[in-house]
Amino acid sequence: MIEFSKYHGLGNDFILVYEQQMDAPTAVSMCDRNLGVGGDGVIVIARSDLADFSFLLYNADGGIAEVSGNGLRCVGKFLYDRGHHKQSRVTVEAGGQLKILDLTVEGGVVGSVRVDMGIPVEEPDIELHGRVWKRTVTGNPHATTFVADIDDAPVADLGPLVENDPAFPNRTNVEFAQVEGDVIHARFWERGVGVTLSSGTGSSACLVASGLSAATVATLGGNLLIEREPDGRLFMTGPAVHVFDGRTA
């Protein structure tokens, strides 16, 4: 039996478990939207010697991801909601990376979370399937291409092809972006998951690819604010929502 909480960040939904054992087959079963709890991934939270807490993310296919921006916001709210951490700043170790989360708390309720996403790594562009893809590592690997009309972006067609292209030995997350002033409209194909309503690291990659210093990233699930400091460091601000709690049979 596993006790869990379901949270989402702009529709990018996660099953959170605290200081419990997890393995890939169990994560896949729990993420099943017909026969399980349903989610884009399972996040295992535990105490850490390197930070306040550690973060381990199983994608819906059972693979382990380095980090998730939306997932980090969910973790920050979960820790505050459950009384595991009642300060407005919490540090999280995820995939060997130290992430700093600043919670906005009003009336005892976490409304939004600002995450220090670190300094991205920009890699050489690559041409695949007739498009130029900007490669960026924002905790996870990403490939971003720009489109003229976001509503016509071939997410389901090209997403899996680019994710599994030999150019990306560890596979990659895939973004389609349309820039309009200081707004970036984005759609996502996530490694090991498929189409998602939002992506925190993907939205961060879109900002880097655009060359803007700050933008509202408009996703199917809602808006994220992504900012890039003069030293290159990225910050992501957005909501996190508690959906329900439960336990497996």
Protein backbone atom coordinates (compact mmCIF):
# COMPACT_ATOMS: atom_id res chain seq x y z
CA MET A 1 0.00 0.00 0.00
CA ILE A 2 1.33 3.42 -1.00
CA GLU A 3 -0.05 6.70 0.29
CA PHE A 4 0.06 9.45 -2.32
CA SER A 5 -1.05 12.96 -3.19
CA LYS A 6 -2.03 14.13 -6.65
CA TYR A 7 -0.87 17.63 -7.66
CA HIS A 8 -0.60 19.47 -10.94
CA GLY A 9 1.27 22.44 -12.33
CA LEU A 10 -0.84 23.91 -15.15
CA GLY A 11 -2.21 20.46 -15.98
CA ASN A 12 1.18 18.74 -15.90
CA ASP A 13 0.14 16.26 -13.20
CA PHE A 14 2.15 14.21 -10.74
CA ILE A 15 1.65 11.57 -8.10
CA LEU A 16 3.69 12.56 -5.05
CA VAL A 17 4.85 10.01 -2.47
CA TYR A 18 6.76 10.94 0.68
CA GLU A 19 9.54 8.76 2.12
CA GLN A 20 8.20 5.54 0.58
CA GLN A 21 9.76 2.95 -1.71
CA MET A 22 9.04 3.15 -5.44
CA ASP A 23 10.15 1.25 -8.53
CA ALA A 24 9.58 1.67 -12.25
CA PRO A 25 6.80 -0.96 -12.69
CA THR A 26 4.84 0.50 -9.77
CA ALA A 27 5.25 4.02 -11.17
CA VAL A 28 4.01 2.91 -14.59
CA SER A 29 0.98 1.25 -13.01
CA MET A 30 0.13 4.30 -10.92
CA CYS A 31 0.47 6.67 -13.89
CA ASP A 32 -1.97 4.66 -16.02
CA ARG A 33 -4.93 6.96 -16.67
CA ASN A 34 -7.40 4.13 -17.12
CA LEU A 35 -6.29 1.54 -14.60
CA GLY A 36 -4.31 3.62 -12.09
CA VAL A 37 -4.24 7.01 -10.43
CA GLY A 38 -3.24 8.78 -13.63
CA GLY A 39 -0.34 11.15 -14.05
CA ASP A 40 2.59 12.32 -16.16
CA GLY A 41 4.94 10.96 -13.52
CA VAL A 42 5.57 9.85 -9.95
CA ILE A 43 7.76 12.02 -7.70
CA VAL A 44 9.39 10.41 -4.68
CA ILE A 45 10.26 12.95 -1.96
CA ALA A 46 12.62 12.20 0.92
CA ARG A 47 14.86 13.96 3.42
CA SER A 48 18.30 14.78 2.06
CA ASP A 49 21.79 15.36 3.41
CA LEU A 50 22.56 17.65 0.46
CA ALA A 51 19.45 19.84 0.69
CA ASP A 52 16.23 20.04 2.67
CA PHE A 53 14.71 17.30 0.52
CA SER A 54 15.51 15.03 -2.42
CA PHE A 55 13.41 14.57 -5.54
CA LEU A 56 13.25 11.47 -7.75
CA LEU A 57 10.99 11.54 -10.80
CA TYR A 58 9.72 8.49 -12.66
CA ASN A 59 8.15 9.42 -16.01
CA ALA A 60 4.94 7.70 -17.05
CA ASP A 61 6.96 5.11 -19.00
CA GLY A 62 9.03 4.23 -15.92
CA GLY A 63 12.14 6.06 -17.04
CA ILE A 64 13.85 8.42 -14.62
CA ALA A 65 14.03 12.12 -15.51
CA GLU A 66 16.59 14.53 -14.15
CA VAL A 67 14.07 17.10 -12.93
CA SER A 68 10.71 18.75 -13.62
CA GLY A 69 9.99 22.44 -13.23
CA ASN A 70 6.26 21.96 -12.77
CA GLY A 71 6.97 19.01 -10.50
CA LEU A 72 9.24 21.12 -8.29
CA ARG A 73 6.46 23.65 -7.76
CA CYS A 74 4.13 20.81 -6.80
CA VAL A 75 6.71 19.49 -4.35
CA GLY A 76 7.12 22.90 -2.73
CA LYS A 77 3.38 23.25 -2.18
CA PHE A 78 3.06 19.64 -0.98
CA LEU A 79 5.79 20.07 1.64
CA TYR A 80 4.14 23.23 2.97
CA ASP A 81 0.61 21.78 2.83
CA ARG A 82 1.65 18.68 4.77
CA GLY A 83 3.70 20.57 7.35
CA HIS A 84 6.97 18.90 6.37
CA HIS A 85 8.51 22.33 5.76
CA LYS A 86 6.83 25.53 6.95
CA GLN A 87 9.36 28.06 5.70
CA SER A 88 8.83 30.02 2.49
CA ARG A 89 12.16 28.84 1.03
CA VAL A 90 13.03 25.18 0.51
CA THR A 91 16.00 23.55 -1.18
CA VAL A 92 15.58 20.37 -3.23
CA GLU A 93 18.24 18.05 -4.65
CA ALA A 94 17.09 16.64 -7.99
CA GLY A 95 19.25 14.63 -10.35
CA GLY A 96 22.45 16.01 -8.83
CA GLN A 97 21.16 19.58 -9.14
CA LEU A 98 20.35 21.90 -6.24
CA LYS A 99 17.09 23.76 -6.78
CA ILE A 100 15.85 26.65 -4.64
CA LEU A 101 12.10 27.13 -4.31
CA ASP A 102 10.52 30.33 -2.99
CA LEU A 103 6.88 29.95 -1.97
CA THR A 104 4.35 32.77 -2.06
CA VAL A 105 2.09 32.12 0.93
CA GLU A 106 -1.07 34.10 1.64
CA GLY A 107 -3.45 33.17 4.44
CA GLY A 108 -1.53 29.98 5.03
CA VAL A 109 -1.99 28.85 1.42
CA VAL A 110 0.76 28.48 -1.21
CA GLY A 111 -0.45 30.32 -4.28
CA SER A 112 2.65 30.24 -6.47
CA VAL A 113 6.22 29.02 -6.43
CA ARG A 114 9.32 30.65 -7.92
CA VAL A 115 12.02 28.15 -8.83
CA ASP A 116 15.69 28.86 -9.46
CA MET A 117 16.19 26.70 -12.54
CA GLY A 118 19.94 27.31 -12.72
CA ILE A 119 22.08 28.33 -15.67
CA PRO A 120 21.10 26.57 -18.91
CA VAL A 121 23.54 24.87 -21.24
CA GLU A 122 23.12 25.83 -24.88
CA GLU A 123 24.29 23.31 -27.43
CA PRO A 124 24.73 23.64 -31.23
CA ASP A 125 21.55 23.76 -33.30
CA ILE A 126 20.60 20.69 -35.28
CA GLU A 127 18.49 20.21 -38.41
CA LEU A 128 16.01 17.33 -38.35
CA HIS A 129 12.88 16.61 -40.39
CA GLY A 130 13.22 19.85 -42.33
CA ARG A 131 13.40 22.03 -39.21
CA VAL A 132 16.10 23.71 -37.17
CA TRP A 133 16.05 22.69 -33.51
CA LYS A 134 17.71 24.71 -30.77
CA ARG A 135 19.21 22.39 -28.16
CA THR A 136 19.19 23.49 -24.55
CA VAL A 137 19.68 21.72 -21.24
CA THR A 138 17.53 23.30 -18.54
CA GLY A 139 17.90 20.48 -16.07
CA ASN A 140 16.56 18.14 -18.77
CA PRO A 141 17.61 18.01 -22.45
CA HIS A 142 15.36 19.96 -24.83
CA ALA A 143 14.99 20.56 -28.56
CA THR A 144 12.94 23.63 -29.53
CA THR A 145 11.70 24.69 -32.95
CA PHE A 146 9.73 27.78 -33.95
CA VAL A 147 6.44 27.71 -35.85
CA ALA A 148 4.30 30.36 -37.54
CA ASP A 149 1.04 29.09 -36.04
CA ILE A 150 1.15 27.24 -32.73
CA ASP A 151 -2.26 25.70 -33.35
CA ASP A 152 -0.84 23.87 -36.39
CA ALA A 153 2.33 22.68 -34.67
CA PRO A 154 2.97 19.00 -35.56
CA VAL A 155 3.48 17.98 -31.93
CA ALA A 156 2.18 14.42 -32.14
CA ASP A 157 3.85 13.78 -35.51
CA LEU A 158 7.35 15.15 -34.96
CA GLY A 159 7.51 14.93 -31.17
CA PRO A 160 8.20 11.20 -30.94
CA LEU A 161 10.53 11.25 -33.95
CA VAL A 162 12.73 13.95 -32.47
CA GLU A 163 12.58 12.48 -28.96
CA ASN A 164 13.97 9.19 -30.21
CA ASP A 165 16.32 10.48 -32.91
CA PRO A 166 19.86 9.00 -32.72
CA ALA A 167 21.16 12.56 -32.34
CA PHE A 168 19.90 12.38 -28.75
CA PRO A 169 21.41 9.27 -27.11
CA ASN A 170 19.40 9.86 -23.91
CA ARG A 171 16.32 11.02 -25.84
CA THR A 172 15.04 14.56 -25.53
CA ASN A 173 12.04 16.68 -24.65
CA VAL A 174 10.57 18.54 -27.62
CA GLU A 175 9.02 22.02 -27.83
CA PHE A 176 7.20 23.95 -30.52
CA ALA A 177 7.12 27.71 -29.95
CA GLN A 178 5.59 30.82 -31.48
CA VAL A 179 6.86 34.19 -30.27
CA GLU A 180 4.57 37.22 -30.16
CA GLY A 181 6.29 40.13 -28.41
CA ASP A 182 6.98 39.09 -24.83
CA VAL A 183 4.63 36.10 -25.02
CA ILE A 184 5.78 32.67 -26.15
CA HIS A 185 3.06 30.22 -27.13
CA ALA A 186 4.36 26.72 -26.57
CA ARG A 187 3.37 23.09 -27.03
CA PHE A 188 5.23 20.13 -25.56
CA TRP A 189 6.14 16.54 -26.26
CA GLU A 190 7.87 15.21 -23.15
CA ARG A 191 10.37 12.38 -23.12
CA GLY A 192 8.78 9.25 -21.68
CA VAL A 193 5.34 10.86 -21.42
CA GLY A 194 4.08 12.26 -24.73
CA VAL A 195 1.93 15.37 -25.11
CA THR A 196 1.65 17.37 -21.88
CA LEU A 197 -0.40 20.46 -21.12
CA SER A 198 2.62 22.29 -19.76
CA SER A 199 6.32 21.92 -19.02
CA GLY A 200 8.44 24.01 -16.68
CA THR A 201 11.83 23.02 -18.03
CA GLY A 202 10.38 23.13 -21.55
CA SER A 203 9.07 26.65 -21.04
CA SER A 204 12.51 27.62 -19.76
CA ALA A 205 14.08 26.13 -22.88
CA CYS A 206 11.67 28.12 -25.05
CA LEU A 207 12.79 31.36 -23.42
CA VAL A 208 16.46 30.52 -23.96
CA ALA A 209 15.82 29.59 -27.59
CA SER A 210 13.92 32.84 -28.18
CA GLY A 211 16.76 35.03 -26.91
CA LEU A 212 14.37 37.02 -24.69
CA SER A 213 15.29 37.94 -21.13
CA ALA A 214 11.75 37.46 -19.83
CA ALA A 215 8.47 36.18 -21.23
CA THR A 216 5.09 34.81 -20.36
CA VAL A 217 5.00 31.28 -21.74
CA ALA A 218 1.43 30.45 -22.72
CA THR A 219 0.80 26.70 -22.50
CA LEU A 220 -2.37 24.69 -22.94
CA GLY A 221 -2.63 24.52 -19.15
CA GLY A 222 -1.99 28.21 -18.42
CA ASN A 223 0.81 30.75 -18.16
CA LEU A 224 4.30 30.60 -16.67
CA LEU A 225 6.63 33.53 -16.11
CA ILE A 226 10.19 32.73 -17.17
CA GLU A 227 12.98 35.22 -16.45
CA ARG A 228 16.68 35.16 -17.27
CA GLU A 229 19.09 37.14 -15.12
CA PRO A 230 22.15 38.90 -16.60
CA ASP A 231 24.35 36.01 -15.40
CA GLY A 232 22.18 33.60 -17.40
CA ARG A 233 20.33 32.07 -14.47
CA LEU A 234 16.70 31.15 -15.13
CA PHE A 235 13.75 31.64 -12.80
CA MET A 236 10.30 30.12 -13.29
CA THR A 237 7.17 31.31 -11.49
CA GLY A 238 3.79 29.64 -11.59
CA PRO A 239 1.04 27.92 -9.62
CA ALA A 240 0.72 24.45 -8.15
CA VAL A 241 -2.58 22.81 -7.26
CA HIS A 242 -3.51 20.00 -4.88
CA VAL A 243 -6.01 17.64 -6.54
CA PHE A 244 -6.61 14.78 -4.08
CA ASP A 245 -4.99 12.28 -1.71
CA GLY A 246 -5.30 8.51 -1.68
CA ARG A 247 -3.68 5.15 -1.17
CA THR A 248 -3.19 2.18 -3.43
CA ALA A 249 -5.00 -1.07 -2.69
